Amino acid sequence: MTLTLTLLSIAGALLWLLRAAVAANTLFRMDVDRGQIVTMKGRLPRRLLGDVRDVLAMAPHPTGRLRCYSSQRRPVWQYSGSFSEDHRQRLRNVLGQWSVAQLRQAPRTE
């Protein structure tokens, strides 16, 4: 019983650390429904937001989650949902104009 509780405690702590590490690298995230941004969280410049909205408005309208995180001092997208390869490439092109430092200095969106 004691061993089980100890292992569960260790597993919980490791899960918490993993979640904290992912959150520390996340710059912003968006939930998208049929090409419309329904929720946003993080730091996002207005010009980048406008460009992302323009890409998402193109047919076919995607649904899913976009997460922007820092990887090797560069912003990178993580996609989940129905984003076509065309949408993904255009989003990469839009994000490539920004540095991690610029994104971290942008106003917070909640």
N, C-alpha and C. Protein backbone atom coordinates (compact mmCIF):
# COMPACT_ATOMS: atom_id res chain seq x y z
N MET A 1 0.82 -1.20 0.00
CA MET A 1 0.00 0.00 0.00
C MET A 1 0.87 1.26 0.00
N THR A 2 1.89 1.27 0.85
CA THR A 2 2.78 2.42 0.93
C THR A 2 3.54 2.59 -0.38
N LEU A 3 3.99 1.49 -0.96
CA LEU A 3 4.70 1.55 -2.23
C LEU A 3 3.80 2.09 -3.34
N THR A 4 2.55 1.68 -3.35
CA THR A 4 1.60 2.15 -4.35
C THR A 4 1.39 3.66 -4.23
N LEU A 5 1.20 4.14 -3.01
CA LEU A 5 1.02 5.58 -2.80
C LEU A 5 2.27 6.36 -3.20
N THR A 6 3.43 5.82 -2.89
CA THR A 6 4.67 6.48 -3.26
C THR A 6 4.82 6.56 -4.78
N LEU A 7 4.54 5.47 -5.47
CA LEU A 7 4.63 5.46 -6.94
C LEU A 7 3.61 6.40 -7.57
N LEU A 8 2.41 6.45 -7.02
CA LEU A 8 1.39 7.38 -7.53
C LEU A 8 1.81 8.83 -7.30
N SER A 9 2.41 9.11 -6.17
CA SER A 9 2.89 10.46 -5.88
C SER A 9 4.00 10.87 -6.85
N ILE A 10 4.92 9.96 -7.10
CA ILE A 10 6.02 10.24 -8.03
C ILE A 10 5.47 10.45 -9.44
N ALA A 11 4.54 9.60 -9.86
CA ALA A 11 3.94 9.73 -11.20
C ALA A 11 3.20 11.07 -11.32
N GLY A 12 2.48 11.45 -10.28
CA GLY A 12 1.77 12.73 -10.30
C GLY A 12 2.73 13.91 -10.39
N ALA A 13 3.83 13.84 -9.64
CA ALA A 13 4.82 14.91 -9.68
C ALA A 13 5.47 15.01 -11.06
N LEU A 14 5.79 13.88 -11.67
CA LEU A 14 6.38 13.89 -13.00
C LEU A 14 5.41 14.45 -14.04
N LEU A 15 4.16 14.08 -13.93
CA LEU A 15 3.14 14.60 -14.85
C LEU A 15 3.01 16.11 -14.70
N TRP A 16 3.03 16.59 -13.47
CA TRP A 16 2.93 18.03 -13.21
C TRP A 16 4.14 18.75 -13.80
N LEU A 17 5.35 18.19 -13.63
CA LEU A 17 6.56 18.80 -14.18
C LEU A 17 6.52 18.84 -15.71
N LEU A 18 6.04 17.78 -16.32
CA LEU A 18 5.93 17.73 -17.77
C LEU A 18 4.96 18.80 -18.27
N ARG A 19 3.84 18.91 -17.61
CA ARG A 19 2.84 19.92 -18.00
C ARG A 19 3.39 21.33 -17.83
N ALA A 20 4.14 21.56 -16.76
CA ALA A 20 4.74 22.88 -16.51
C ALA A 20 5.78 23.20 -17.58
N ALA A 21 6.56 22.21 -18.00
CA ALA A 21 7.56 22.43 -19.04
C ALA A 21 6.91 22.79 -20.38
N VAL A 22 5.83 22.11 -20.72
CA VAL A 22 5.11 22.41 -21.96
C VAL A 22 4.52 23.82 -21.89
N ALA A 23 3.94 24.18 -20.76
CA ALA A 23 3.33 25.50 -20.60
C ALA A 23 4.38 26.60 -20.67
N ALA A 24 5.58 26.35 -20.17
CA ALA A 24 6.64 27.36 -20.19
C ALA A 24 7.08 27.68 -21.61
N ASN A 25 7.04 26.72 -22.50
CA ASN A 25 7.45 26.94 -23.89
C ASN A 25 6.32 27.46 -24.76
N THR A 26 5.08 27.37 -24.29
CA THR A 26 3.94 27.81 -25.09
C THR A 26 3.88 29.34 -25.12
N LEU A 27 3.83 29.90 -26.32
CA LEU A 27 3.72 31.34 -26.49
C LEU A 27 2.25 31.77 -26.54
N PHE A 28 1.45 31.03 -27.31
CA PHE A 28 0.01 31.27 -27.34
C PHE A 28 -0.67 30.05 -27.94
N ARG A 29 -1.99 29.98 -27.75
CA ARG A 29 -2.77 28.92 -28.36
C ARG A 29 -4.12 29.48 -28.79
N MET A 30 -4.70 28.83 -29.79
CA MET A 30 -6.00 29.25 -30.33
C MET A 30 -6.85 28.02 -30.59
N ASP A 31 -8.12 28.13 -30.27
CA ASP A 31 -9.09 27.11 -30.67
C ASP A 31 -9.86 27.68 -31.85
N VAL A 32 -9.94 26.89 -32.92
CA VAL A 32 -10.54 27.34 -34.17
C VAL A 32 -11.74 26.46 -34.48
N ASP A 33 -12.85 27.11 -34.86
CA ASP A 33 -14.05 26.37 -35.26
C ASP A 33 -14.52 26.90 -36.60
N ARG A 34 -14.46 26.07 -37.63
CA ARG A 34 -14.85 26.41 -39.00
C ARG A 34 -14.23 27.73 -39.48
N GLY A 35 -12.92 27.86 -39.23
CA GLY A 35 -12.18 29.02 -39.71
C GLY A 35 -12.25 30.24 -38.83
N GLN A 36 -12.96 30.19 -37.73
CA GLN A 36 -13.09 31.31 -36.80
C GLN A 36 -12.35 31.00 -35.50
N ILE A 37 -11.59 31.96 -35.00
CA ILE A 37 -10.91 31.78 -33.72
C ILE A 37 -11.95 31.97 -32.62
N VAL A 38 -12.14 30.94 -31.79
CA VAL A 38 -13.16 31.03 -30.72
C VAL A 38 -12.53 31.32 -29.37
N THR A 39 -11.32 30.88 -29.11
CA THR A 39 -10.62 31.24 -27.87
C THR A 39 -9.14 31.43 -28.19
N MET A 40 -8.52 32.35 -27.44
CA MET A 40 -7.09 32.60 -27.55
C MET A 40 -6.54 32.76 -26.14
N LYS A 41 -5.30 32.33 -25.96
CA LYS A 41 -4.64 32.53 -24.69
C LYS A 41 -3.15 32.67 -24.95
N GLY A 42 -2.54 33.66 -24.34
CA GLY A 42 -1.10 33.88 -24.49
C GLY A 42 -0.79 35.26 -25.00
N ARG A 43 0.38 35.42 -25.58
CA ARG A 43 0.85 36.71 -26.10
C ARG A 43 0.86 36.66 -27.63
N LEU A 44 0.21 37.65 -28.23
CA LEU A 44 0.02 37.60 -29.67
C LEU A 44 -0.07 39.02 -30.23
N PRO A 45 0.87 39.42 -31.11
CA PRO A 45 0.79 40.74 -31.74
C PRO A 45 -0.46 40.85 -32.63
N ARG A 46 -1.04 42.02 -32.69
CA ARG A 46 -2.28 42.22 -33.48
C ARG A 46 -2.06 41.93 -34.95
N ARG A 47 -0.91 42.33 -35.49
CA ARG A 47 -0.66 42.08 -36.91
C ARG A 47 -0.60 40.58 -37.20
N LEU A 48 0.03 39.83 -36.32
CA LEU A 48 0.08 38.37 -36.49
C LEU A 48 -1.32 37.78 -36.39
N LEU A 49 -2.11 38.27 -35.44
CA LEU A 49 -3.49 37.79 -35.29
C LEU A 49 -4.29 38.04 -36.57
N GLY A 50 -4.15 39.22 -37.15
CA GLY A 50 -4.84 39.52 -38.41
C GLY A 50 -4.41 38.60 -39.54
N ASP A 51 -3.12 38.35 -39.64
CA ASP A 51 -2.61 37.45 -40.68
C ASP A 51 -3.12 36.02 -40.48
N VAL A 52 -3.14 35.55 -39.24
CA VAL A 52 -3.65 34.21 -38.95
C VAL A 52 -5.13 34.12 -39.31
N ARG A 53 -5.90 35.16 -38.97
CA ARG A 53 -7.33 35.16 -39.32
C ARG A 53 -7.53 35.10 -40.83
N ASP A 54 -6.69 35.82 -41.57
CA ASP A 54 -6.78 35.79 -43.03
C ASP A 54 -6.54 34.37 -43.57
N VAL A 55 -5.55 33.69 -43.03
CA VAL A 55 -5.24 32.32 -43.48
C VAL A 55 -6.39 31.39 -43.12
N LEU A 56 -6.92 31.51 -41.90
CA LEU A 56 -8.00 30.62 -41.47
C LEU A 56 -9.29 30.85 -42.23
N ALA A 57 -9.47 32.04 -42.77
CA ALA A 57 -10.71 32.36 -43.50
C ALA A 57 -10.76 31.70 -44.88
N MET A 58 -9.62 31.20 -45.35
CA MET A 58 -9.58 30.55 -46.66
C MET A 58 -10.25 29.18 -46.59
N ALA A 59 -11.01 28.85 -47.64
CA ALA A 59 -11.69 27.54 -47.68
C ALA A 59 -10.66 26.46 -47.96
N PRO A 60 -10.82 25.25 -47.49
CA PRO A 60 -11.84 24.81 -46.54
C PRO A 60 -11.55 25.31 -45.14
N HIS A 61 -12.58 25.63 -44.41
CA HIS A 61 -12.43 26.24 -43.09
C HIS A 61 -12.04 25.18 -42.06
N PRO A 62 -10.86 25.34 -41.43
CA PRO A 62 -10.38 24.32 -40.49
C PRO A 62 -11.03 24.41 -39.12
N THR A 63 -11.02 23.33 -38.39
CA THR A 63 -11.47 23.25 -37.01
C THR A 63 -10.39 22.50 -36.24
N GLY A 64 -10.01 23.05 -35.08
CA GLY A 64 -9.00 22.39 -34.26
C GLY A 64 -8.32 23.35 -33.32
N ARG A 65 -7.10 23.02 -32.93
CA ARG A 65 -6.32 23.85 -32.02
C ARG A 65 -4.96 24.14 -32.63
N LEU A 66 -4.56 25.41 -32.52
CA LEU A 66 -3.22 25.85 -32.91
C LEU A 66 -2.47 26.21 -31.64
N ARG A 67 -1.26 25.71 -31.52
CA ARG A 67 -0.41 26.06 -30.39
C ARG A 67 0.92 26.53 -30.95
N CYS A 68 1.37 27.69 -30.50
CA CYS A 68 2.66 28.21 -30.91
C CYS A 68 3.59 28.07 -29.71
N TYR A 69 4.73 27.44 -29.93
CA TYR A 69 5.67 27.26 -28.83
C TYR A 69 7.08 27.59 -29.31
N SER A 70 7.97 27.76 -28.36
CA SER A 70 9.36 28.07 -28.63
C SER A 70 10.16 26.78 -28.73
N SER A 71 10.88 26.63 -29.84
CA SER A 71 11.76 25.48 -30.04
C SER A 71 13.07 25.98 -30.63
N GLN A 72 14.14 25.81 -29.90
CA GLN A 72 15.45 26.28 -30.34
C GLN A 72 15.42 27.75 -30.71
N ARG A 73 14.79 28.55 -29.86
CA ARG A 73 14.69 30.01 -29.99
C ARG A 73 13.94 30.46 -31.24
N ARG A 74 13.06 29.60 -31.76
CA ARG A 74 12.22 29.95 -32.90
C ARG A 74 10.79 29.58 -32.59
N PRO A 75 9.82 30.38 -33.04
CA PRO A 75 8.42 29.99 -32.85
C PRO A 75 8.02 28.89 -33.82
N VAL A 76 7.27 27.92 -33.32
CA VAL A 76 6.87 26.75 -34.11
C VAL A 76 5.39 26.47 -33.84
N TRP A 77 4.67 26.03 -34.86
CA TRP A 77 3.26 25.65 -34.70
C TRP A 77 3.14 24.18 -34.31
N GLN A 78 2.12 23.90 -33.51
CA GLN A 78 1.65 22.53 -33.30
C GLN A 78 0.18 22.55 -33.69
N TYR A 79 -0.22 21.67 -34.59
CA TYR A 79 -1.58 21.64 -35.11
C TYR A 79 -2.29 20.40 -34.58
N SER A 80 -3.55 20.57 -34.24
CA SER A 80 -4.41 19.40 -34.00
C SER A 80 -5.77 19.75 -34.57
N GLY A 81 -6.30 18.87 -35.37
CA GLY A 81 -7.58 19.13 -36.01
C GLY A 81 -7.46 19.02 -37.52
N SER A 82 -8.34 19.71 -38.22
CA SER A 82 -8.48 19.55 -39.67
C SER A 82 -7.80 20.67 -40.46
N PHE A 83 -6.53 20.91 -40.20
CA PHE A 83 -5.78 21.93 -40.93
C PHE A 83 -5.15 21.28 -42.16
N SER A 84 -5.48 21.80 -43.35
CA SER A 84 -4.92 21.25 -44.58
C SER A 84 -3.43 21.60 -44.66
N GLU A 85 -2.74 20.92 -45.53
CA GLU A 85 -1.31 21.21 -45.70
C GLU A 85 -1.11 22.64 -46.21
N ASP A 86 -2.04 23.14 -47.03
CA ASP A 86 -1.98 24.51 -47.50
C ASP A 86 -2.10 25.49 -46.34
N HIS A 87 -3.06 25.25 -45.44
CA HIS A 87 -3.19 26.10 -44.26
C HIS A 87 -1.92 26.05 -43.41
N ARG A 88 -1.39 24.87 -43.21
CA ARG A 88 -0.19 24.71 -42.37
C ARG A 88 0.98 25.49 -42.96
N GLN A 89 1.17 25.38 -44.28
CA GLN A 89 2.28 26.09 -44.90
C GLN A 89 2.11 27.60 -44.79
N ARG A 90 0.90 28.08 -45.04
CA ARG A 90 0.65 29.52 -44.95
C ARG A 90 0.84 30.02 -43.51
N LEU A 91 0.41 29.23 -42.54
CA LEU A 91 0.60 29.61 -41.13
C LEU A 91 2.09 29.63 -40.78
N ARG A 92 2.85 28.68 -41.30
CA ARG A 92 4.30 28.68 -41.06
C ARG A 92 4.93 29.93 -41.68
N ASN A 93 4.50 30.29 -42.88
CA ASN A 93 5.03 31.49 -43.54
C ASN A 93 4.73 32.74 -42.72
N VAL A 94 3.52 32.84 -42.20
CA VAL A 94 3.12 34.00 -41.40
C VAL A 94 3.95 34.07 -40.11
N LEU A 95 4.09 32.94 -39.43
CA LEU A 95 4.81 32.91 -38.17
C LEU A 95 6.31 33.13 -38.35
N GLY A 96 6.84 32.76 -39.51
CA GLY A 96 8.27 32.89 -39.77
C GLY A 96 8.77 34.33 -39.77
N GLN A 97 7.88 35.29 -39.82
CA GLN A 97 8.25 36.71 -39.80
C GLN A 97 8.53 37.21 -38.39
N TRP A 98 8.26 36.37 -37.38
CA TRP A 98 8.34 36.80 -35.98
C TRP A 98 9.40 36.03 -35.22
N SER A 99 10.03 36.70 -34.28
CA SER A 99 10.98 36.02 -33.39
C SER A 99 10.27 35.70 -32.07
N VAL A 100 10.85 34.79 -31.31
CA VAL A 100 10.30 34.45 -30.00
C VAL A 100 10.29 35.70 -29.11
N ALA A 101 11.35 36.51 -29.19
CA ALA A 101 11.42 37.72 -28.36
C ALA A 101 10.26 38.68 -28.68
N GLN A 102 9.95 38.84 -29.96
CA GLN A 102 8.83 39.71 -30.34
C GLN A 102 7.51 39.18 -29.81
N LEU A 103 7.33 37.87 -29.86
CA LEU A 103 6.08 37.28 -29.38
C LEU A 103 5.97 37.37 -27.87
N ARG A 104 7.07 37.20 -27.16
CA ARG A 104 7.03 37.30 -25.69
C ARG A 104 6.75 38.72 -25.23
N GLN A 105 7.07 39.72 -26.05
CA GLN A 105 6.84 41.12 -25.69
C GLN A 105 5.46 41.63 -26.10
N ALA A 106 4.71 40.84 -26.84
CA ALA A 106 3.38 41.24 -27.31
C ALA A 106 2.40 41.29 -26.13
N PRO A 107 1.32 42.05 -26.29
CA PRO A 107 0.32 42.10 -25.22
C PRO A 107 -0.35 40.74 -25.02
N ARG A 108 -0.71 40.47 -23.79
CA ARG A 108 -1.36 39.20 -23.42
C ARG A 108 -2.81 39.22 -23.89
N THR A 109 -3.25 38.12 -24.48
CA THR A 109 -4.65 37.95 -24.87
C THR A 109 -5.24 36.86 -23.99
N GLU A 110 -6.37 37.10 -23.42
CA GLU A 110 -7.02 36.10 -22.55
C GLU A 110 -8.42 35.86 -23.02
